[in-house]
Amino acid sequence: MNAPYPPPPPPPAAGRDRTTLWGVLGIVLGLICCGILGIVFGYLSIRDARRFGKSPLLGWLAIAAGVLNIIISLVVRARGSYYYPYWYR
């Protein structure tokens, strides 16, 4: 006697998949200007990746870029060399 086939997986949620958009925006903004926006867009990318069954790698990279930007900004400001690099003086 043959066993019945398992049911097919459920279709992805309806709506627009913006996982890649949020991830790329988070990485670019996290590296260039705004660490906090990188973290926010990274979270949005991870959320959409879970919703649509995709890889959350871009979201995690965006969060890492945002955190890295914040840490480097704090170190540069703490050293007092915000406007000029150390070799310029």
PDB file of N, CA and C in Angstrom:
ATOM      1  N   MET A   1       0.842  -1.166   0.000  1.00  0.00           N
ATOM      2  CA  MET A   1       0.000   0.000   0.000  1.00  0.00           C
ATOM      3  C   MET A   1       0.895   1.239   0.000  1.00  0.00           C
ATOM      4  N   ASN A   2       0.593   2.169  -0.845  1.00  0.00           N
ATOM      5  CA  ASN A   2       1.379   3.393  -0.951  1.00  0.00           C
ATOM      6  C   ASN A   2       0.877   4.437   0.026  1.00  0.00           C
ATOM      7  N   ALA A   3       1.837   5.110   0.642  1.00  0.00           N
ATOM      8  CA  ALA A   3       1.482   6.198   1.550  1.00  0.00           C
ATOM      9  C   ALA A   3       1.171   7.447   0.721  1.00  0.00           C
ATOM     10  N   PRO A   4       0.245   8.265   1.172  1.00  0.00           N
ATOM     11  CA  PRO A   4      -0.062   9.489   0.420  1.00  0.00           C
ATOM     12  C   PRO A   4       1.120  10.468   0.503  1.00  0.00           C
ATOM     13  N   TYR A   5       1.222  11.265  -0.515  1.00  0.00           N
ATOM     14  CA  TYR A   5       2.281  12.283  -0.531  1.00  0.00           C
ATOM     15  C   TYR A   5       2.015  13.331   0.541  1.00  0.00           C
ATOM     16  N   PRO A   6       3.090  13.907   1.096  1.00  0.00           N
ATOM     17  CA  PRO A   6       2.864  14.974   2.079  1.00  0.00           C
ATOM     18  C   PRO A   6       2.291  16.205   1.380  1.00  0.00           C
ATOM     19  N   PRO A   7       1.595  17.022   2.110  1.00  0.00           N
ATOM     20  CA  PRO A   7       1.002  18.209   1.479  1.00  0.00           C
ATOM     21  C   PRO A   7       2.106  19.169   1.017  1.00  0.00           C
ATOM     22  N   PRO A   8       1.853  19.938  -0.018  1.00  0.00           N
ATOM     23  CA  PRO A   8       2.863  20.887  -0.494  1.00  0.00           C
ATOM     24  C   PRO A   8       3.077  21.996   0.531  1.00  0.00           C
ATOM     25  N   PRO A   9       4.253  22.628   0.512  1.00  0.00           N
ATOM     26  CA  PRO A   9       4.480  23.712   1.465  1.00  0.00           C
ATOM     27  C   PRO A   9       3.547  24.879   1.176  1.00  0.00           C
ATOM     28  N   PRO A  10       3.232  25.653   2.185  1.00  0.00           N
ATOM     29  CA  PRO A  10       2.310  26.775   1.966  1.00  0.00           C
ATOM     30  C   PRO A  10       2.973  27.820   1.062  1.00  0.00           C
ATOM     31  N   PRO A  11       2.181  28.515   0.279  1.00  0.00           N
ATOM     32  CA  PRO A  11       2.762  29.556  -0.577  1.00  0.00           C
ATOM     33  C   PRO A  11       3.265  30.713   0.275  1.00  0.00           C
ATOM     34  N   PRO A  12       4.246  31.459  -0.233  1.00  0.00           N
ATOM     35  CA  PRO A  12       4.725  32.599   0.536  1.00  0.00           C
ATOM     36  C   PRO A  12       3.619  33.629   0.735  1.00  0.00           C
ATOM     37  N   ALA A  13       3.790  34.455   1.735  1.00  0.00           N
ATOM     38  CA  ALA A  13       2.788  35.465   2.052  1.00  0.00           C
ATOM     39  C   ALA A  13       2.608  36.413   0.869  1.00  0.00           C
ATOM     40  N   ALA A  14       1.396  36.863   0.700  1.00  0.00           N
ATOM     41  CA  ALA A  14       1.119  37.787  -0.395  1.00  0.00           C
ATOM     42  C   ALA A  14       1.704  39.153  -0.063  1.00  0.00           C
ATOM     43  N   GLY A  15       2.129  39.842  -1.072  1.00  0.00           N
ATOM     44  CA  GLY A  15       2.696  41.168  -0.874  1.00  0.00           C
ATOM     45  C   GLY A  15       4.000  41.302  -1.620  1.00  0.00           C
ATOM     46  N   ARG A  16       4.602  42.448  -1.479  1.00  0.00           N
ATOM     47  CA  ARG A  16       5.848  42.712  -2.182  1.00  0.00           C
ATOM     48  C   ARG A  16       7.025  42.300  -1.314  1.00  0.00           C
ATOM     49  N   ASP A  17       7.954  41.605  -1.930  1.00  0.00           N
ATOM     50  CA  ASP A  17       9.151  41.153  -1.231  1.00  0.00           C
ATOM     51  C   ASP A  17      10.227  42.224  -1.378  1.00  0.00           C
ATOM     52  N   ARG A  18      10.559  42.865  -0.281  1.00  0.00           N
ATOM     53  CA  ARG A  18      11.562  43.933  -0.289  1.00  0.00           C
ATOM     54  C   ARG A  18      12.797  43.551   0.521  1.00  0.00           C
ATOM     55  N   THR A  19      13.048  42.265   0.657  1.00  0.00           N
ATOM     56  CA  THR A  19      14.175  41.798   1.454  1.00  0.00           C
ATOM     57  C   THR A  19      15.488  42.346   0.933  1.00  0.00           C
ATOM     58  N   THR A  20      15.708  42.233  -0.364  1.00  0.00           N
ATOM     59  CA  THR A  20      16.963  42.698  -0.951  1.00  0.00           C
ATOM     60  C   THR A  20      17.062  44.214  -0.880  1.00  0.00           C
ATOM     61  N   LEU A  21      15.971  44.913  -1.122  1.00  0.00           N
ATOM     62  CA  LEU A  21      15.981  46.374  -1.058  1.00  0.00           C
ATOM     63  C   LEU A  21      16.387  46.859   0.319  1.00  0.00           C
ATOM     64  N   TRP A  22      15.746  46.331   1.365  1.00  0.00           N
ATOM     65  CA  TRP A  22      16.078  46.760   2.729  1.00  0.00           C
ATOM     66  C   TRP A  22      17.524  46.401   3.070  1.00  0.00           C
ATOM     67  N   GLY A  23      17.971  45.230   2.651  1.00  0.00           N
ATOM     68  CA  GLY A  23      19.337  44.811   2.958  1.00  0.00           C
ATOM     69  C   GLY A  23      20.378  45.690   2.301  1.00  0.00           C
ATOM     70  N   VAL A  24      20.200  45.987   1.018  1.00  0.00           N
ATOM     71  CA  VAL A  24      21.177  46.823   0.313  1.00  0.00           C
ATOM     72  C   VAL A  24      21.152  48.247   0.850  1.00  0.00           C
ATOM     73  N   LEU A  25      19.967  48.791   1.090  1.00  0.00           N
ATOM     74  CA  LEU A  25      19.889  50.133   1.685  1.00  0.00           C
ATOM     75  C   LEU A  25      20.571  50.169   3.050  1.00  0.00           C
ATOM     76  N   GLY A  26      20.364  49.145   3.843  1.00  0.00           N
ATOM     77  CA  GLY A  26      20.986  49.103   5.166  1.00  0.00           C
ATOM     78  C   GLY A  26      22.496  49.042   5.092  1.00  0.00           C
ATOM     79  N   ILE A  27      23.031  48.252   4.167  1.00  0.00           N
ATOM     80  CA  ILE A  27      24.483  48.149   4.042  1.00  0.00           C
ATOM     81  C   ILE A  27      25.071  49.473   3.560  1.00  0.00           C
ATOM     82  N   VAL A  28      24.469  50.058   2.542  1.00  0.00           N
ATOM     83  CA  VAL A  28      25.002  51.312   1.988  1.00  0.00           C
ATOM     84  C   VAL A  28      24.923  52.432   3.014  1.00  0.00           C
ATOM     85  N   LEU A  29      23.759  52.622   3.621  1.00  0.00           N
ATOM     86  CA  LEU A  29      23.632  53.696   4.604  1.00  0.00           C
ATOM     87  C   LEU A  29      24.429  53.405   5.868  1.00  0.00           C
ATOM     88  N   GLY A  30      24.535  52.147   6.232  1.00  0.00           N
ATOM     89  CA  GLY A  30      25.313  51.791   7.413  1.00  0.00           C
ATOM     90  C   GLY A  30      26.792  52.056   7.228  1.00  0.00           C
ATOM     91  N   LEU A  31      27.299  51.842   6.030  1.00  0.00           N
ATOM     92  CA  LEU A  31      28.724  52.077   5.785  1.00  0.00           C
ATOM     93  C   LEU A  31      29.039  53.544   5.520  1.00  0.00           C
ATOM     94  N   ILE A  32      28.158  54.247   4.843  1.00  0.00           N
ATOM     95  CA  ILE A  32      28.483  55.596   4.401  1.00  0.00           C
ATOM     96  C   ILE A  32      28.132  56.662   5.428  1.00  0.00           C
ATOM     97  N   CYS A  33      26.890  56.666   5.906  1.00  0.00           N
ATOM     98  CA  CYS A  33      26.524  57.831   6.717  1.00  0.00           C
ATOM     99  C   CYS A  33      25.861  57.498   8.048  1.00  0.00           C
ATOM    100  N   CYS A  34      24.822  56.739   8.041  1.00  0.00           N
ATOM    101  CA  CYS A  34      23.964  56.630   9.221  1.00  0.00           C
ATOM    102  C   CYS A  34      23.934  55.206   9.753  1.00  0.00           C
ATOM    103  N   GLY A  35      24.608  54.970  10.848  1.00  0.00           N
ATOM    104  CA  GLY A  35      24.623  53.637  11.430  1.00  0.00           C
ATOM    105  C   GLY A  35      23.262  53.201  11.929  1.00  0.00           C
ATOM    106  N   ILE A  36      22.509  54.142  12.473  1.00  0.00           N
ATOM    107  CA  ILE A  36      21.196  53.798  13.013  1.00  0.00           C
ATOM    108  C   ILE A  36      20.249  53.374  11.886  1.00  0.00           C
ATOM    109  N   LEU A  37      20.303  54.078  10.751  1.00  0.00           N
ATOM    110  CA  LEU A  37      19.461  53.670   9.619  1.00  0.00           C
ATOM    111  C   LEU A  37      19.883  52.308   9.077  1.00  0.00           C
ATOM    112  N   GLY A  38      21.171  52.018   9.114  1.00  0.00           N
ATOM    113  CA  GLY A  38      21.636  50.697   8.696  1.00  0.00           C
ATOM    114  C   GLY A  38      21.060  49.606   9.567  1.00  0.00           C
ATOM    115  N   ILE A  39      20.996  49.853  10.863  1.00  0.00           N
ATOM    116  CA  ILE A  39      20.427  48.872  11.787  1.00  0.00           C
ATOM    117  C   ILE A  39      18.929  48.704  11.540  1.00  0.00           C
ATOM    118  N   VAL A  40      18.224  49.816  11.332  1.00  0.00           N
ATOM    119  CA  VAL A  40      16.776  49.753  11.098  1.00  0.00           C
ATOM    120  C   VAL A  40      16.466  49.005   9.807  1.00  0.00           C
ATOM    121  N   PHE A  41      17.166  49.350   8.714  1.00  0.00           N
ATOM    122  CA  PHE A  41      16.919  48.662   7.450  1.00  0.00           C
ATOM    123  C   PHE A  41      17.352  47.198   7.522  1.00  0.00           C
ATOM    124  N   GLY A  42      18.382  46.899   8.299  1.00  0.00           N
ATOM    125  CA  GLY A  42      18.775  45.506   8.495  1.00  0.00           C
ATOM    126  C   GLY A  42      17.684  44.714   9.188  1.00  0.00           C
ATOM    127  N   TYR A  43      17.073  45.315  10.200  1.00  0.00           N
ATOM    128  CA  TYR A  43      15.963  44.647  10.884  1.00  0.00           C
ATOM    129  C   TYR A  43      14.796  44.408   9.923  1.00  0.00           C
ATOM    130  N   LEU A  44      14.475  45.418   9.097  1.00  0.00           N
ATOM    131  CA  LEU A  44      13.383  45.254   8.133  1.00  0.00           C
ATOM    132  C   LEU A  44      13.701  44.146   7.132  1.00  0.00           C
ATOM    133  N   SER A  45      14.959  44.036   6.730  1.00  0.00           N
ATOM    134  CA  SER A  45      15.352  42.987   5.796  1.00  0.00           C
ATOM    135  C   SER A  45      15.214  41.606   6.427  1.00  0.00           C
ATOM    136  N   ILE A  46      15.625  41.462   7.670  1.00  0.00           N
ATOM    137  CA  ILE A  46      15.500  40.175   8.362  1.00  0.00           C
ATOM    138  C   ILE A  46      14.026  39.808   8.543  1.00  0.00           C
ATOM    139  N   ARG A  47      13.218  40.786   8.877  1.00  0.00           N
ATOM    140  CA  ARG A  47      11.785  40.534   9.052  1.00  0.00           C
ATOM    141  C   ARG A  47      11.139  40.050   7.755  1.00  0.00           C
ATOM    142  N   ASP A  48      11.460  40.740   6.649  1.00  0.00           N
ATOM    143  CA  ASP A  48      10.901  40.308   5.367  1.00  0.00           C
ATOM    144  C   ASP A  48      11.468  38.965   4.923  1.00  0.00           C
ATOM    145  N   ALA A  49      12.729  38.698   5.226  1.00  0.00           N
ATOM    146  CA  ALA A  49      13.321  37.413   4.853  1.00  0.00           C
ATOM    147  C   ALA A  49      12.606  36.276   5.569  1.00  0.00           C
ATOM    148  N   ARG A  50      12.269  36.450   6.813  1.00  0.00           N
ATOM    149  CA  ARG A  50      11.525  35.415   7.537  1.00  0.00           C
ATOM    150  C   ARG A  50      10.119  35.260   6.970  1.00  0.00           C
ATOM    151  N   ARG A  51       9.515  36.363   6.609  1.00  0.00           N
ATOM    152  CA  ARG A  51       8.146  36.332   6.097  1.00  0.00           C
ATOM    153  C   ARG A  51       8.061  35.627   4.750  1.00  0.00           C
ATOM    154  N   PHE A  52       9.076  35.837   3.882  1.00  0.00           N
ATOM    155  CA  PHE A  52       9.031  35.278   2.541  1.00  0.00           C
ATOM    156  C   PHE A  52       9.920  34.053   2.372  1.00  0.00           C
ATOM    157  N   GLY A  53      10.543  33.586   3.433  1.00  0.00           N
ATOM    158  CA  GLY A  53      11.329  32.365   3.365  1.00  0.00           C
ATOM    159  C   GLY A  53      12.647  32.516   2.636  1.00  0.00           C
ATOM    160  N   LYS A  54      13.283  33.661   2.751  1.00  0.00           N
ATOM    161  CA  LYS A  54      14.568  33.901   2.097  1.00  0.00           C
ATOM    162  C   LYS A  54      15.681  33.952   3.138  1.00  0.00           C
ATOM    163  N   SER A  55      16.909  34.106   2.646  1.00  0.00           N
ATOM    164  CA  SER A  55      18.064  34.177   3.531  1.00  0.00           C
ATOM    165  C   SER A  55      18.162  35.575   4.166  1.00  0.00           C
ATOM    166  N   PRO A  56      18.393  35.646   5.481  1.00  0.00           N
ATOM    167  CA  PRO A  56      18.502  36.948   6.147  1.00  0.00           C
ATOM    168  C   PRO A  56      19.928  37.517   6.147  1.00  0.00           C
ATOM    169  N   LEU A  57      20.797  37.018   5.282  1.00  0.00           N
ATOM    170  CA  LEU A  57      22.201  37.424   5.299  1.00  0.00           C
ATOM    171  C   LEU A  57      22.376  38.923   5.075  1.00  0.00           C
ATOM    172  N   LEU A  58      21.669  39.515   4.111  1.00  0.00           N
ATOM    173  CA  LEU A  58      21.815  40.944   3.855  1.00  0.00           C
ATOM    174  C   LEU A  58      21.391  41.770   5.070  1.00  0.00           C
ATOM    175  N   GLY A  59      20.385  41.327   5.765  1.00  0.00           N
ATOM    176  CA  GLY A  59      19.951  42.043   6.971  1.00  0.00           C
ATOM    177  C   GLY A  59      21.011  42.017   8.054  1.00  0.00           C
ATOM    178  N   TRP A  60      21.611  40.841   8.258  1.00  0.00           N
ATOM    179  CA  TRP A  60      22.659  40.760   9.275  1.00  0.00           C
ATOM    180  C   TRP A  60      23.883  41.582   8.887  1.00  0.00           C
ATOM    181  N   LEU A  61      24.221  41.613   7.586  1.00  0.00           N
ATOM    182  CA  LEU A  61      25.339  42.443   7.139  1.00  0.00           C
ATOM    183  C   LEU A  61      25.031  43.925   7.322  1.00  0.00           C
ATOM    184  N   ALA A  62      23.790  44.319   7.086  1.00  0.00           N
ATOM    185  CA  ALA A  62      23.402  45.713   7.287  1.00  0.00           C
ATOM    186  C   ALA A  62      23.494  46.103   8.759  1.00  0.00           C
ATOM    187  N   ILE A  63      23.068  45.219   9.640  1.00  0.00           N
ATOM    188  CA  ILE A  63      23.181  45.508  11.075  1.00  0.00           C
ATOM    189  C   ILE A  63      24.642  45.603  11.488  1.00  0.00           C
ATOM    190  N   ALA A  64      25.476  44.708  10.972  1.00  0.00           N
ATOM    191  CA  ALA A  64      26.904  44.755  11.292  1.00  0.00           C
ATOM    192  C   ALA A  64      27.534  46.039  10.773  1.00  0.00           C
ATOM    193  N   ALA A  65      27.161  46.467   9.569  1.00  0.00           N
ATOM    194  CA  ALA A  65      27.705  47.711   9.018  1.00  0.00           C
ATOM    195  C   ALA A  65      27.267  48.912   9.849  1.00  0.00           C
ATOM    196  N   GLY A  66      26.015  48.924  10.298  1.00  0.00           N
ATOM    197  CA  GLY A  66      25.539  50.025  11.131  1.00  0.00           C
ATOM    198  C   GLY A  66      26.240  50.085  12.469  1.00  0.00           C
ATOM    199  N   VAL A  67      26.417  48.934  13.100  1.00  0.00           N
ATOM    200  CA  VAL A  67      27.120  48.899  14.396  1.00  0.00           C
ATOM    201  C   VAL A  67      28.577  49.310  14.216  1.00  0.00           C
ATOM    202  N   LEU A  68      29.209  48.838  13.147  1.00  0.00           N
ATOM    203  CA  LEU A  68      30.592  49.211  12.871  1.00  0.00           C
ATOM    204  C   LEU A  68      30.720  50.712  12.654  1.00  0.00           C
ATOM    205  N   ASN A  69      29.789  51.307  11.937  1.00  0.00           N
ATOM    206  CA  ASN A  69      29.810  52.745  11.717  1.00  0.00           C
ATOM    207  C   ASN A  69      29.685  53.501  13.034  1.00  0.00           C
ATOM    208  N   ILE A  70      28.797  53.064  13.893  1.00  0.00           N
ATOM    209  CA  ILE A  70      28.612  53.738  15.183  1.00  0.00           C
ATOM    210  C   ILE A  70      29.875  53.624  16.027  1.00  0.00           C
ATOM    211  N   ILE A  71      30.487  52.450  16.083  1.00  0.00           N
ATOM    212  CA  ILE A  71      31.699  52.263  16.889  1.00  0.00           C
ATOM    213  C   ILE A  71      32.840  53.113  16.353  1.00  0.00           C
ATOM    214  N   ILE A  72      33.041  53.115  15.040  1.00  0.00           N
ATOM    215  CA  ILE A  72      34.123  53.916  14.471  1.00  0.00           C
ATOM    216  C   ILE A  72      33.867  55.402  14.699  1.00  0.00           C
ATOM    217  N   SER A  73      32.632  55.844  14.583  1.00  0.00           N
ATOM    218  CA  SER A  73      32.312  57.248  14.839  1.00  0.00           C
ATOM    219  C   SER A  73      32.613  57.633  16.283  1.00  0.00           C
ATOM    220  N   LEU A  74      32.276  56.753  17.217  1.00  0.00           N
ATOM    221  CA  LEU A  74      32.561  57.048  18.626  1.00  0.00           C
ATOM    222  C   LEU A  74      34.062  57.105  18.889  1.00  0.00           C
ATOM    223  N   VAL A  75      34.819  56.211  18.294  1.00  0.00           N
ATOM    224  CA  VAL A  75      36.269  56.207  18.500  1.00  0.00           C
ATOM    225  C   VAL A  75      36.896  57.465  17.907  1.00  0.00           C
ATOM    226  N   VAL A  76      36.469  57.826  16.695  1.00  0.00           N
ATOM    227  CA  VAL A  76      37.035  59.014  16.050  1.00  0.00           C
ATOM    228  C   VAL A  76      36.699  60.261  16.845  1.00  0.00           C
ATOM    229  N   ARG A  77      35.489  60.374  17.319  1.00  0.00           N
ATOM    230  CA  ARG A  77      35.118  61.557  18.119  1.00  0.00           C
ATOM    231  C   ARG A  77      35.823  61.570  19.468  1.00  0.00           C
ATOM    232  N   ALA A  78      36.034  60.422  20.061  1.00  0.00           N
ATOM    233  CA  ALA A  78      36.720  60.373  21.356  1.00  0.00           C
ATOM    234  C   ALA A  78      38.189  60.770  21.226  1.00  0.00           C
ATOM    235  N   ARG A  79      38.782  60.459  20.089  1.00  0.00           N
ATOM    236  CA  ARG A  79      40.184  60.841  19.868  1.00  0.00           C
ATOM    237  C   ARG A  79      40.320  62.323  19.570  1.00  0.00           C
ATOM    238  N   GLY A  80      39.255  62.978  19.215  1.00  0.00           N
ATOM    239  CA  GLY A  80      39.310  64.400  18.933  1.00  0.00           C
ATOM    240  C   GLY A  80      39.754  64.710  17.518  1.00  0.00           C
ATOM    241  N   SER A  81      39.862  63.736  16.667  1.00  0.00           N
ATOM    242  CA  SER A  81      40.293  63.974  15.291  1.00  0.00           C
ATOM    243  C   SER A  81      39.106  63.792  14.353  1.00  0.00           C
ATOM    244  N   TYR A  82      38.062  64.563  14.602  1.00  0.00           N
ATOM    245  CA  TYR A  82      36.846  64.396  13.828  1.00  0.00           C
ATOM    246  C   TYR A  82      36.996  64.936  12.410  1.00  0.00           C
ATOM    247  N   TYR A  83      37.664  66.085  12.254  1.00  0.00           N
ATOM    248  CA  TYR A  83      37.729  66.707  10.948  1.00  0.00           C
ATOM    249  C   TYR A  83      38.959  66.315  10.142  1.00  0.00           C
ATOM    250  N   TYR A  84      40.083  66.066  10.790  1.00  0.00           N
ATOM    251  CA  TYR A  84      41.309  65.773  10.075  1.00  0.00           C
ATOM    252  C   TYR A  84      41.885  64.440  10.527  1.00  0.00           C
ATOM    253  N   PRO A  85      42.446  63.673   9.614  1.00  0.00           N
ATOM    254  CA  PRO A  85      43.123  62.451  10.024  1.00  0.00           C
ATOM    255  C   PRO A  85      44.396  62.763  10.806  1.00  0.00           C
ATOM    256  N   TYR A  86      44.917  61.776  11.497  1.00  0.00           N
ATOM    257  CA  TYR A  86      46.060  62.024  12.363  1.00  0.00           C
ATOM    258  C   TYR A  86      47.307  62.423  11.597  1.00  0.00           C
ATOM    259  N   TRP A  87      47.460  62.027  10.341  1.00  0.00           N
ATOM    260  CA  TRP A  87      48.670  62.371   9.602  1.00  0.00           C
ATOM    261  C   TRP A  87      48.616  63.770   9.013  1.00  0.00           C
ATOM    262  N   TYR A  88      47.468  64.452   9.070  1.00  0.00           N
ATOM    263  CA  TYR A  88      47.320  65.773   8.480  1.00  0.00           C
ATOM    264  C   TYR A  88      47.934  66.851   9.354  1.00  0.00           C
ATOM    265  N   ARG A  89      47.965  66.636  10.653  1.00  0.00           N
ATOM    266  CA  ARG A  89      48.442  67.674  11.580  1.00  0.00           C
ATOM    267  C   ARG A  89      49.921  67.857  11.528  1.00  0.00           C
TER     268      ARG A  89
END
